[in-house]
């Protein structure tokens, strides 16, 4: 379990990684937004009110060990990002108003995207551009998302019933394509919670698409109906992409798999700009 202290409007907020997600101290958030002398008491009253209103957010709060002011690790009510945002909505505070307005704006945008899915695609492109990704890479990433969605639609109803099933099938394709499970691939690129595909280079993205598109075609052509068969399809689809990767490596004389990730590449670019200036 990894623990850290985040900064929220200049004040320290304790947080911890739990179930591979950041969980935040609810008491710290209450203290920051209300300037209460006793944030713990404020949270206890708020928790009671939320329960009376029938809100489930309190149910999803977990007592996780965080570093207390006395230097000891003590259990503290924590919530994930979704829970914290819900709790903030229930705190009357001028400090929380900008965030509440932002949540309302985001909610409105999502409603519009349901009506017009193209808006969601435009938003995604804009986010990648803001992060510094080149247009050519973004085009491939967007296409890869469409290929992935096509594949998961085939898996849905053909024997894949849980997130674990989807993870197993994805790993079968990844291993066939790159000789690595997704988790091992992330370790190679020194990633933690980041999305692996967001740190692939052009060739890695193309081969991932090839493995998944081939798997989709195989599954449709075979009309596979059960999970065991889907695993064979995934392994066969991955093997096609894997043979392509090996051929590329043979012809180019260099490995396709890269240990580089976008975070580090971005830092290197920033350093070069600073040196030039």
C-alpha atoms as a PDB file:
ATOM      1  CA  UNK A   1       0.000   0.000   0.000  1.00  0.00           C
ATOM      2  CA  UNK A   2       1.518   3.310  -1.121  1.00  0.00           C
ATOM      3  CA  UNK A   3       0.770   6.491   0.830  1.00  0.00           C
ATOM      4  CA  UNK A   4       1.383  10.108  -0.145  1.00  0.00           C
ATOM      5  CA  UNK A   5       0.332  13.617   0.784  1.00  0.00           C
ATOM      6  CA  UNK A   6      -1.265  15.658  -2.000  1.00  0.00           C
ATOM      7  CA  UNK A   7      -1.667  19.415  -2.117  1.00  0.00           C
ATOM      8  CA  UNK A   8      -5.232  20.733  -2.311  1.00  0.00           C
ATOM      9  CA  UNK A   9      -5.328  24.520  -2.732  1.00  0.00           C
ATOM     10  CA  UNK A  10      -2.038  24.916  -0.911  1.00  0.00           C
ATOM     11  CA  UNK A  11      -2.986  22.600   1.957  1.00  0.00           C
ATOM     12  CA  UNK A  12      -1.871  19.040   2.548  1.00  0.00           C
ATOM     13  CA  UNK A  13      -4.275  16.203   1.894  1.00  0.00           C
ATOM     14  CA  UNK A  14      -3.421  12.653   2.847  1.00  0.00           C
ATOM     15  CA  UNK A  15      -4.040   9.956   0.273  1.00  0.00           C
ATOM     16  CA  UNK A  16      -3.264   6.286  -0.213  1.00  0.00           C
ATOM     17  CA  UNK A  17      -3.330   3.821  -3.108  1.00  0.00           C
ATOM     18  CA  UNK A  18      -5.995   1.191  -2.392  1.00  0.00           C
ATOM     19  CA  UNK A  19      -7.173  -1.358  -4.975  1.00  0.00           C
ATOM     20  CA  UNK A  20      -4.935   0.399  -7.510  1.00  0.00           C
ATOM     21  CA  UNK A  21      -6.727   3.748  -7.040  1.00  0.00           C
ATOM     22  CA  UNK A  22      -6.036   6.888  -5.045  1.00  0.00           C
ATOM     23  CA  UNK A  23      -8.179   7.232  -1.910  1.00  0.00           C
ATOM     24  CA  UNK A  24      -8.271  10.552  -0.064  1.00  0.00           C
ATOM     25  CA  UNK A  25      -8.760  11.475   3.580  1.00  0.00           C
ATOM     26  CA  UNK A  26     -12.324  12.778   3.919  1.00  0.00           C
ATOM     27  CA  UNK A  27     -11.482  14.657   7.127  1.00  0.00           C
ATOM     28  CA  UNK A  28      -8.661  16.522   5.371  1.00  0.00           C
ATOM     29  CA  UNK A  29     -10.967  17.572   2.522  1.00  0.00           C
ATOM     30  CA  UNK A  30     -13.638  18.731   5.001  1.00  0.00           C
ATOM     31  CA  UNK A  31     -11.060  20.728   6.927  1.00  0.00           C
ATOM     32  CA  UNK A  32      -9.750  22.451   3.811  1.00  0.00           C
ATOM     33  CA  UNK A  33     -13.175  23.422   2.452  1.00  0.00           C
ATOM     34  CA  UNK A  34     -14.703  24.538   5.748  1.00  0.00           C
ATOM     35  CA  UNK A  35     -11.707  25.822   7.747  1.00  0.00           C
ATOM     36  CA  UNK A  36     -13.340  23.979  10.649  1.00  0.00           C
ATOM     37  CA  UNK A  37     -11.366  23.825  13.891  1.00  0.00           C
ATOM     38  CA  UNK A  38     -12.632  20.247  14.313  1.00  0.00           C
ATOM     39  CA  UNK A  39     -12.837  18.687  10.850  1.00  0.00           C
ATOM     40  CA  UNK A  40     -13.467  15.282  12.395  1.00  0.00           C
ATOM     41  CA  UNK A  41     -16.626  16.507  14.129  1.00  0.00           C
ATOM     42  CA  UNK A  42     -17.738  18.240  10.909  1.00  0.00           C
ATOM     43  CA  UNK A  43     -17.349  14.974   8.979  1.00  0.00           C
ATOM     44  CA  UNK A  44     -19.277  13.007  11.605  1.00  0.00           C
ATOM     45  CA  UNK A  45     -22.240  15.417  11.311  1.00  0.00           C
ATOM     46  CA  UNK A  46     -22.042  15.437   7.525  1.00  0.00           C
ATOM     47  CA  UNK A  47     -21.900  11.655   7.480  1.00  0.00           C
ATOM     48  CA  UNK A  48     -25.056  11.497   9.605  1.00  0.00           C
ATOM     49  CA  UNK A  49     -26.856  13.911   7.277  1.00  0.00           C
ATOM     50  CA  UNK A  50     -25.799  11.969   4.178  1.00  0.00           C
ATOM     51  CA  UNK A  51     -27.077   8.748   5.724  1.00  0.00           C
ATOM     52  CA  UNK A  52     -30.407  10.392   6.530  1.00  0.00           C
ATOM     53  CA  UNK A  53     -30.653  11.584   2.925  1.00  0.00           C
ATOM     54  CA  UNK A  54     -30.163   8.009   1.754  1.00  0.00           C
ATOM     55  CA  UNK A  55     -26.805   8.714   0.098  1.00  0.00           C
ATOM     56  CA  UNK A  56     -24.627   5.636  -0.445  1.00  0.00           C
ATOM     57  CA  UNK A  57     -21.370   7.603  -0.489  1.00  0.00           C
ATOM     58  CA  UNK A  58     -20.716   6.919   3.221  1.00  0.00           C
ATOM     59  CA  UNK A  59     -21.125   3.184   2.616  1.00  0.00           C
ATOM     60  CA  UNK A  60     -18.323   3.313   0.077  1.00  0.00           C
ATOM     61  CA  UNK A  61     -15.915   5.122   2.412  1.00  0.00           C
ATOM     62  CA  UNK A  62     -13.214   2.828   3.807  1.00  0.00           C
ATOM     63  CA  UNK A  63     -11.137   3.122   6.935  1.00  0.00           C
ATOM     64  CA  UNK A  64      -7.563   3.102   5.649  1.00  0.00           C
ATOM     65  CA  UNK A  65      -4.351   3.654   7.570  1.00  0.00           C
ATOM     66  CA  UNK A  66      -2.821   7.102   7.056  1.00  0.00           C
ATOM     67  CA  UNK A  67      -0.080   8.980   8.855  1.00  0.00           C
ATOM     68  CA  UNK A  68      -1.676  10.863  11.775  1.00  0.00           C
ATOM     69  CA  UNK A  69      -0.391  14.122  13.325  1.00  0.00           C
ATOM     70  CA  UNK A  70       1.155  12.079  16.141  1.00  0.00           C
ATOM     71  CA  UNK A  71       3.343  10.270  13.621  1.00  0.00           C
ATOM     72  CA  UNK A  72       1.468   6.968  13.855  1.00  0.00           C
ATOM     73  CA  UNK A  73      -0.472   5.140  11.162  1.00  0.00           C
ATOM     74  CA  UNK A  74      -4.148   5.312  12.095  1.00  0.00           C
ATOM     75  CA  UNK A  75      -7.368   4.282  10.355  1.00  0.00           C
ATOM     76  CA  UNK A  76      -9.021   7.244   8.668  1.00  0.00           C
ATOM     77  CA  UNK A  77     -12.208   7.491   6.599  1.00  0.00           C
ATOM     78  CA  UNK A  78     -11.137   7.640   2.945  1.00  0.00           C
ATOM     79  CA  UNK A  79     -13.016   7.880  -0.345  1.00  0.00           C
ATOM     80  CA  UNK A  80     -11.976   7.430  -3.952  1.00  0.00           C
ATOM     81  CA  UNK A  81     -12.141  10.280  -6.449  1.00  0.00           C
ATOM     82  CA  UNK A  82     -15.823   9.720  -7.251  1.00  0.00           C
ATOM     83  CA  UNK A  83     -16.727   9.585  -3.579  1.00  0.00           C
ATOM     84  CA  UNK A  84     -14.734  12.707  -2.723  1.00  0.00           C
ATOM     85  CA  UNK A  85     -16.407  14.665  -5.518  1.00  0.00           C
ATOM     86  CA  UNK A  86     -19.828  13.572  -4.232  1.00  0.00           C
ATOM     87  CA  UNK A  87     -18.933  14.594  -0.666  1.00  0.00           C
ATOM     88  CA  UNK A  88     -17.677  17.993  -1.841  1.00  0.00           C
ATOM     89  CA  UNK A  89     -21.084  18.602  -3.442  1.00  0.00           C
ATOM     90  CA  UNK A  90     -22.654  18.291   0.026  1.00  0.00           C
ATOM     91  CA  UNK A  91     -20.328  20.789   1.713  1.00  0.00           C
ATOM     92  CA  UNK A  92     -21.600  24.405   1.613  1.00  0.00           C
ATOM     93  CA  UNK A  93     -18.379  26.300   1.067  1.00  0.00           C
ATOM     94  CA  UNK A  94     -17.168  29.144  -1.175  1.00  0.00           C
ATOM     95  CA  UNK A  95     -13.939  27.176  -1.673  1.00  0.00           C
ATOM     96  CA  UNK A  96     -15.863  24.252  -3.114  1.00  0.00           C
ATOM     97  CA  UNK A  97     -18.058  26.348  -5.419  1.00  0.00           C
ATOM     98  CA  UNK A  98     -15.607  26.469  -8.380  1.00  0.00           C
ATOM     99  CA  UNK A  99     -15.320  22.690  -8.276  1.00  0.00           C
ATOM    100  CA  UNK A 100     -19.109  22.299  -8.066  1.00  0.00           C
ATOM    101  CA  UNK A 101     -19.506  24.531 -11.121  1.00  0.00           C
ATOM    102  CA  UNK A 102     -16.885  22.457 -12.926  1.00  0.00           C
ATOM    103  CA  UNK A 103     -18.742  19.225 -12.045  1.00  0.00           C
ATOM    104  CA  UNK A 104     -21.975  20.713 -13.371  1.00  0.00           C
ATOM    105  CA  UNK A 105     -20.206  21.717 -16.591  1.00  0.00           C
ATOM    106  CA  UNK A 106     -18.684  18.238 -16.990  1.00  0.00           C
ATOM    107  CA  UNK A 107     -22.086  16.640 -16.357  1.00  0.00           C
ATOM    108  CA  UNK A 108     -23.675  18.845 -18.998  1.00  0.00           C
ATOM    109  CA  UNK A 109     -20.918  17.982 -21.484  1.00  0.00           C
ATOM    110  CA  UNK A 110     -21.419  14.244 -20.895  1.00  0.00           C
ATOM    111  CA  UNK A 111     -25.167  14.590 -21.521  1.00  0.00           C
ATOM    112  CA  UNK A 112     -24.395  16.339 -24.822  1.00  0.00           C
ATOM    113  CA  UNK A 113     -21.927  13.578 -25.724  1.00  0.00           C
ATOM    114  CA  UNK A 114     -24.620  10.934 -25.204  1.00  0.00           C
ATOM    115  CA  UNK A 115     -26.735  12.831 -27.721  1.00  0.00           C
ATOM    116  CA  UNK A 116     -23.764  13.296 -30.080  1.00  0.00           C
ATOM    117  CA  UNK A 117     -20.916  10.756 -29.550  1.00  0.00           C
ATOM    118  CA  UNK A 118     -18.658  12.688 -31.952  1.00  0.00           C
ATOM    119  CA  UNK A 119     -18.263  15.323 -29.227  1.00  0.00           C
ATOM    120  CA  UNK A 120     -16.677  12.699 -26.950  1.00  0.00           C
ATOM    121  CA  UNK A 121     -14.162  11.870 -29.667  1.00  0.00           C
ATOM    122  CA  UNK A 122     -13.329  15.557 -30.118  1.00  0.00           C
ATOM    123  CA  UNK A 123     -12.851  15.962 -26.368  1.00  0.00           C
ATOM    124  CA  UNK A 124     -10.524  12.957 -26.263  1.00  0.00           C
ATOM    125  CA  UNK A 125      -8.415  14.338 -29.110  1.00  0.00           C
ATOM    126  CA  UNK A 126      -8.202  17.704 -27.363  1.00  0.00           C
ATOM    127  CA  UNK A 127      -7.016  16.061 -24.113  1.00  0.00           C
ATOM    128  CA  UNK A 128      -4.252  14.157 -25.930  1.00  0.00           C
ATOM    129  CA  UNK A 129      -3.194  17.346 -27.719  1.00  0.00           C
ATOM    130  CA  UNK A 130      -3.006  19.201 -24.389  1.00  0.00           C
ATOM    131  CA  UNK A 131      -0.765  16.436 -23.059  1.00  0.00           C
ATOM    132  CA  UNK A 132       1.601  16.992 -25.973  1.00  0.00           C
ATOM    133  CA  UNK A 133       0.926  13.977 -28.175  1.00  0.00           C
ATOM    134  CA  UNK A 134       1.505  14.523 -31.933  1.00  0.00           C
ATOM    135  CA  UNK A 135      -1.509  14.453 -34.265  1.00  0.00           C
ATOM    136  CA  UNK A 136      -0.289  11.352 -36.137  1.00  0.00           C
ATOM    137  CA  UNK A 137      -0.046   9.390 -32.883  1.00  0.00           C
ATOM    138  CA  UNK A 138      -3.494  10.591 -31.783  1.00  0.00           C
ATOM    139  CA  UNK A 139      -5.012   9.358 -35.056  1.00  0.00           C
ATOM    140  CA  UNK A 140      -3.614   5.869 -34.416  1.00  0.00           C
ATOM    141  CA  UNK A 141      -4.711   5.892 -30.777  1.00  0.00           C
ATOM    142  CA  UNK A 142      -8.264   6.865 -31.737  1.00  0.00           C
ATOM    143  CA  UNK A 143      -8.373   4.163 -34.392  1.00  0.00           C
ATOM    144  CA  UNK A 144      -7.055   1.665 -31.845  1.00  0.00           C
ATOM    145  CA  UNK A 145      -9.896   2.539 -29.465  1.00  0.00           C
ATOM    146  CA  UNK A 146     -12.427   1.843 -32.220  1.00  0.00           C
ATOM    147  CA  UNK A 147     -10.784  -1.521 -32.976  1.00  0.00           C
ATOM    148  CA  UNK A 148     -10.811  -2.401 -29.273  1.00  0.00           C
ATOM    149  CA  UNK A 149     -14.491  -1.495 -28.922  1.00  0.00           C
ATOM    150  CA  UNK A 150     -15.321  -3.661 -31.928  1.00  0.00           C
ATOM    151  CA  UNK A 151     -13.552  -6.592 -30.287  1.00  0.00           C
ATOM    152  CA  UNK A 152     -15.171  -6.187 -26.864  1.00  0.00           C
ATOM    153  CA  UNK A 153     -18.610  -6.080 -28.513  1.00  0.00           C
ATOM    154  CA  UNK A 154     -17.854  -9.519 -29.943  1.00  0.00           C
ATOM    155  CA  UNK A 155     -16.644 -10.802 -26.585  1.00  0.00           C
ATOM    156  CA  UNK A 156     -19.746  -9.475 -24.875  1.00  0.00           C
ATOM    157  CA  UNK A 157     -22.349 -12.229 -25.075  1.00  0.00           C
ATOM    158  CA  UNK A 158     -19.951 -14.832 -26.463  1.00  0.00           C
ATOM    159  CA  UNK A 159     -18.717 -16.149 -23.102  1.00  0.00           C
ATOM    160  CA  UNK A 160     -16.804 -13.228 -21.556  1.00  0.00           C
ATOM    161  CA  UNK A 161     -18.739 -12.224 -18.441  1.00  0.00           C
ATOM    162  CA  UNK A 162     -16.437 -10.267 -16.146  1.00  0.00           C
ATOM    163  CA  UNK A 163     -13.559  -7.785 -16.111  1.00  0.00           C
ATOM    164  CA  UNK A 164     -11.255 -10.697 -15.267  1.00  0.00           C
ATOM    165  CA  UNK A 165     -12.368 -12.532 -18.419  1.00  0.00           C
ATOM    166  CA  UNK A 166     -11.610  -9.454 -20.530  1.00  0.00           C
ATOM    167  CA  UNK A 167      -8.210  -9.068 -18.850  1.00  0.00           C
ATOM    168  CA  UNK A 168      -7.333 -12.718 -19.549  1.00  0.00           C
ATOM    169  CA  UNK A 169      -8.321 -12.426 -23.201  1.00  0.00           C
ATOM    170  CA  UNK A 170      -6.404  -9.165 -23.594  1.00  0.00           C
ATOM    171  CA  UNK A 171      -3.316 -10.735 -22.057  1.00  0.00           C
ATOM    172  CA  UNK A 172      -3.598 -13.661 -24.482  1.00  0.00           C
ATOM    173  CA  UNK A 173      -3.449 -11.205 -27.398  1.00  0.00           C
ATOM    174  CA  UNK A 174      -0.638  -9.167 -25.809  1.00  0.00           C
ATOM    175  CA  UNK A 175       1.482 -12.243 -25.123  1.00  0.00           C
ATOM    176  CA  UNK A 176       0.993 -13.493 -28.659  1.00  0.00           C
ATOM    177  CA  UNK A 177       1.867 -10.086 -30.110  1.00  0.00           C
ATOM    178  CA  UNK A 178       4.725  -8.961 -27.887  1.00  0.00           C
ATOM    179  CA  UNK A 179       5.654 -11.993 -25.787  1.00  0.00           C
ATOM    180  CA  UNK A 180       4.678 -10.031 -22.656  1.00  0.00           C
ATOM    181  CA  UNK A 181       1.634  -9.841 -20.429  1.00  0.00           C
ATOM    182  CA  UNK A 182       0.155  -6.356 -20.048  1.00  0.00           C
ATOM    183  CA  UNK A 183       1.449  -6.030 -16.464  1.00  0.00           C
ATOM    184  CA  UNK A 184       4.988  -7.052 -17.491  1.00  0.00           C
ATOM    185  CA  UNK A 185       4.840  -4.634 -20.416  1.00  0.00           C
ATOM    186  CA  UNK A 186       3.919  -1.811 -18.008  1.00  0.00           C
ATOM    187  CA  UNK A 187       6.856  -2.731 -15.784  1.00  0.00           C
ATOM    188  CA  UNK A 188       9.172  -2.615 -18.794  1.00  0.00           C
ATOM    189  CA  UNK A 189       7.973   0.917 -19.505  1.00  0.00           C
ATOM    190  CA  UNK A 190       8.195   1.817 -15.798  1.00  0.00           C
ATOM    191  CA  UNK A 191       4.483   2.579 -15.545  1.00  0.00           C
ATOM    192  CA  UNK A 192       2.241   2.204 -12.509  1.00  0.00           C
ATOM    193  CA  UNK A 193      -1.404   3.160 -12.928  1.00  0.00           C
ATOM    194  CA  UNK A 194      -1.016   4.785 -16.355  1.00  0.00           C
ATOM    195  CA  UNK A 195      -2.699   3.360 -19.442  1.00  0.00           C
ATOM    196  CA  UNK A 196      -0.184   1.161 -21.291  1.00  0.00           C
ATOM    197  CA  UNK A 197      -1.446   2.112 -24.750  1.00  0.00           C
ATOM    198  CA  UNK A 198      -0.947   5.797 -23.997  1.00  0.00           C
ATOM    199  CA  UNK A 199       2.775   5.014 -23.774  1.00  0.00           C
ATOM    200  CA  UNK A 200       3.173   2.883 -26.887  1.00  0.00           C
ATOM    201  CA  UNK A 201       4.999   4.147 -29.952  1.00  0.00           C
ATOM    202  CA  UNK A 202       3.469   4.041 -33.444  1.00  0.00           C
ATOM    203  CA  UNK A 203       4.551   0.480 -34.300  1.00  0.00           C
ATOM    204  CA  UNK A 204       3.450  -0.868 -30.913  1.00  0.00           C
ATOM    205  CA  UNK A 205       0.009   0.707 -31.395  1.00  0.00           C
ATOM    206  CA  UNK A 206      -0.305  -0.668 -34.925  1.00  0.00           C
ATOM    207  CA  UNK A 207       0.628  -4.188 -33.848  1.00  0.00           C
ATOM    208  CA  UNK A 208      -1.827  -3.991 -30.948  1.00  0.00           C
ATOM    209  CA  UNK A 209      -4.547  -3.026 -33.412  1.00  0.00           C
ATOM    210  CA  UNK A 210      -3.521  -5.852 -35.738  1.00  0.00           C
ATOM    211  CA  UNK A 211      -3.742  -8.427 -32.944  1.00  0.00           C
ATOM    212  CA  UNK A 212      -7.167  -7.209 -31.828  1.00  0.00           C
ATOM    213  CA  UNK A 213      -8.614  -6.733 -35.314  1.00  0.00           C
ATOM    214  CA  UNK A 214      -7.429 -10.208 -36.315  1.00  0.00           C
ATOM    215  CA  UNK A 215      -8.953 -11.687 -33.163  1.00  0.00           C
ATOM    216  CA  UNK A 216     -12.267  -9.993 -33.976  1.00  0.00           C
ATOM    217  CA  UNK A 217     -12.277 -11.469 -37.484  1.00  0.00           C
ATOM    218  CA  UNK A 218     -11.357 -14.958 -36.246  1.00  0.00           C
ATOM    219  CA  UNK A 219     -14.089 -14.885 -33.579  1.00  0.00           C
ATOM    220  CA  UNK A 220     -16.723 -13.795 -36.103  1.00  0.00           C
ATOM    221  CA  UNK A 221     -15.639 -16.304 -38.729  1.00  0.00           C
ATOM    222  CA  UNK A 222     -15.584 -19.156 -36.218  1.00  0.00           C
ATOM    223  CA  UNK A 223     -18.760 -17.879 -34.525  1.00  0.00           C
ATOM    224  CA  UNK A 224     -17.204 -18.700 -31.169  1.00  0.00           C
ATOM    225  CA  UNK A 225     -19.723 -19.011 -28.332  1.00  0.00           C
ATOM    226  CA  UNK A 226     -17.802 -19.889 -25.169  1.00  0.00           C
ATOM    227  CA  UNK A 227     -14.899 -18.513 -23.142  1.00  0.00           C
ATOM    228  CA  UNK A 228     -12.484 -21.363 -23.825  1.00  0.00           C
ATOM    229  CA  UNK A 229     -12.964 -20.804 -27.551  1.00  0.00           C
ATOM    230  CA  UNK A 230     -12.497 -17.045 -27.146  1.00  0.00           C
ATOM    231  CA  UNK A 231      -9.135 -17.702 -25.519  1.00  0.00           C
ATOM    232  CA  UNK A 232      -8.052 -19.772 -28.523  1.00  0.00           C
ATOM    233  CA  UNK A 233      -9.196 -16.968 -30.846  1.00  0.00           C
ATOM    234  CA  UNK A 234      -7.238 -14.410 -28.806  1.00  0.00           C
ATOM    235  CA  UNK A 235      -4.080 -16.520 -28.844  1.00  0.00           C
ATOM    236  CA  UNK A 236      -4.406 -17.129 -32.586  1.00  0.00           C
ATOM    237  CA  UNK A 237      -5.022 -13.422 -33.279  1.00  0.00           C
ATOM    238  CA  UNK A 238      -2.070 -12.447 -31.129  1.00  0.00           C
ATOM    239  CA  UNK A 239       0.122 -14.990 -32.904  1.00  0.00           C
ATOM    240  CA  UNK A 240      -0.620 -13.340 -36.268  1.00  0.00           C
ATOM    241  CA  UNK A 241       0.512  -9.962 -34.918  1.00  0.00           C
ATOM    242  CA  UNK A 242       3.473 -11.658 -33.217  1.00  0.00           C
ATOM    243  CA  UNK A 243       4.716 -13.107 -36.500  1.00  0.00           C
ATOM    244  CA  UNK A 244       4.400  -9.667 -38.068  1.00  0.00           C
ATOM    245  CA  UNK A 245       6.425  -8.142 -35.221  1.00  0.00           C
ATOM    246  CA  UNK A 246       9.193 -10.719 -35.648  1.00  0.00           C
ATOM    247  CA  UNK A 247       9.287 -10.081 -39.389  1.00  0.00           C
ATOM    248  CA  UNK A 248       9.599  -6.321 -38.790  1.00  0.00           C
ATOM    249  CA  UNK A 249      12.428  -6.930 -36.345  1.00  0.00           C
ATOM    250  CA  UNK A 250      14.164  -9.279 -38.783  1.00  0.00           C
ATOM    251  CA  UNK A 251      13.975  -6.784 -41.636  1.00  0.00           C
ATOM    252  CA  UNK A 252      14.846  -3.695 -39.565  1.00  0.00           C
ATOM    253  CA  UNK A 253      17.408  -5.303 -37.298  1.00  0.00           C
ATOM    254  CA  UNK A 254      15.977  -3.537 -34.237  1.00  0.00           C
ATOM    255  CA  UNK A 255      13.403  -4.592 -31.607  1.00  0.00           C
ATOM    256  CA  UNK A 256       9.860  -3.285 -31.877  1.00  0.00           C
ATOM    257  CA  UNK A 257       9.195  -3.354 -28.137  1.00  0.00           C
ATOM    258  CA  UNK A 258      10.303  -0.112 -26.502  1.00  0.00           C
ATOM    259  CA  UNK A 259      11.007   0.579 -22.833  1.00  0.00           C
ATOM    260  CA  UNK A 260      10.319   4.273 -23.431  1.00  0.00           C
ATOM    261  CA  UNK A 261       7.180   5.929 -22.117  1.00  0.00           C
ATOM    262  CA  UNK A 262       5.531   9.240 -22.922  1.00  0.00           C
ATOM    263  CA  UNK A 263       6.092  10.676 -19.436  1.00  0.00           C
ATOM    264  CA  UNK A 264       9.867  10.335 -19.721  1.00  0.00           C
ATOM    265  CA  UNK A 265       9.928  11.461 -23.342  1.00  0.00           C
ATOM    266  CA  UNK A 266       7.977  14.578 -22.323  1.00  0.00           C
ATOM    267  CA  UNK A 267      10.500  15.345 -19.579  1.00  0.00           C
ATOM    268  CA  UNK A 268      13.401  14.983 -22.029  1.00  0.00           C
ATOM    269  CA  UNK A 269      11.742  17.405 -24.459  1.00  0.00           C
ATOM    270  CA  UNK A 270      11.215  19.929 -21.669  1.00  0.00           C
ATOM    271  CA  UNK A 271      14.872  19.681 -20.647  1.00  0.00           C
ATOM    272  CA  UNK A 272      15.980  20.259 -24.239  1.00  0.00           C
ATOM    273  CA  UNK A 273      13.756  23.348 -24.501  1.00  0.00           C
ATOM    274  CA  UNK A 274      15.127  24.694 -21.227  1.00  0.00           C
ATOM    275  CA  UNK A 275      18.708  24.176 -22.414  1.00  0.00           C
ATOM    276  CA  UNK A 276      17.987  25.981 -25.707  1.00  0.00           C
ATOM    277  CA  UNK A 277      16.475  28.914 -23.811  1.00  0.00           C
END
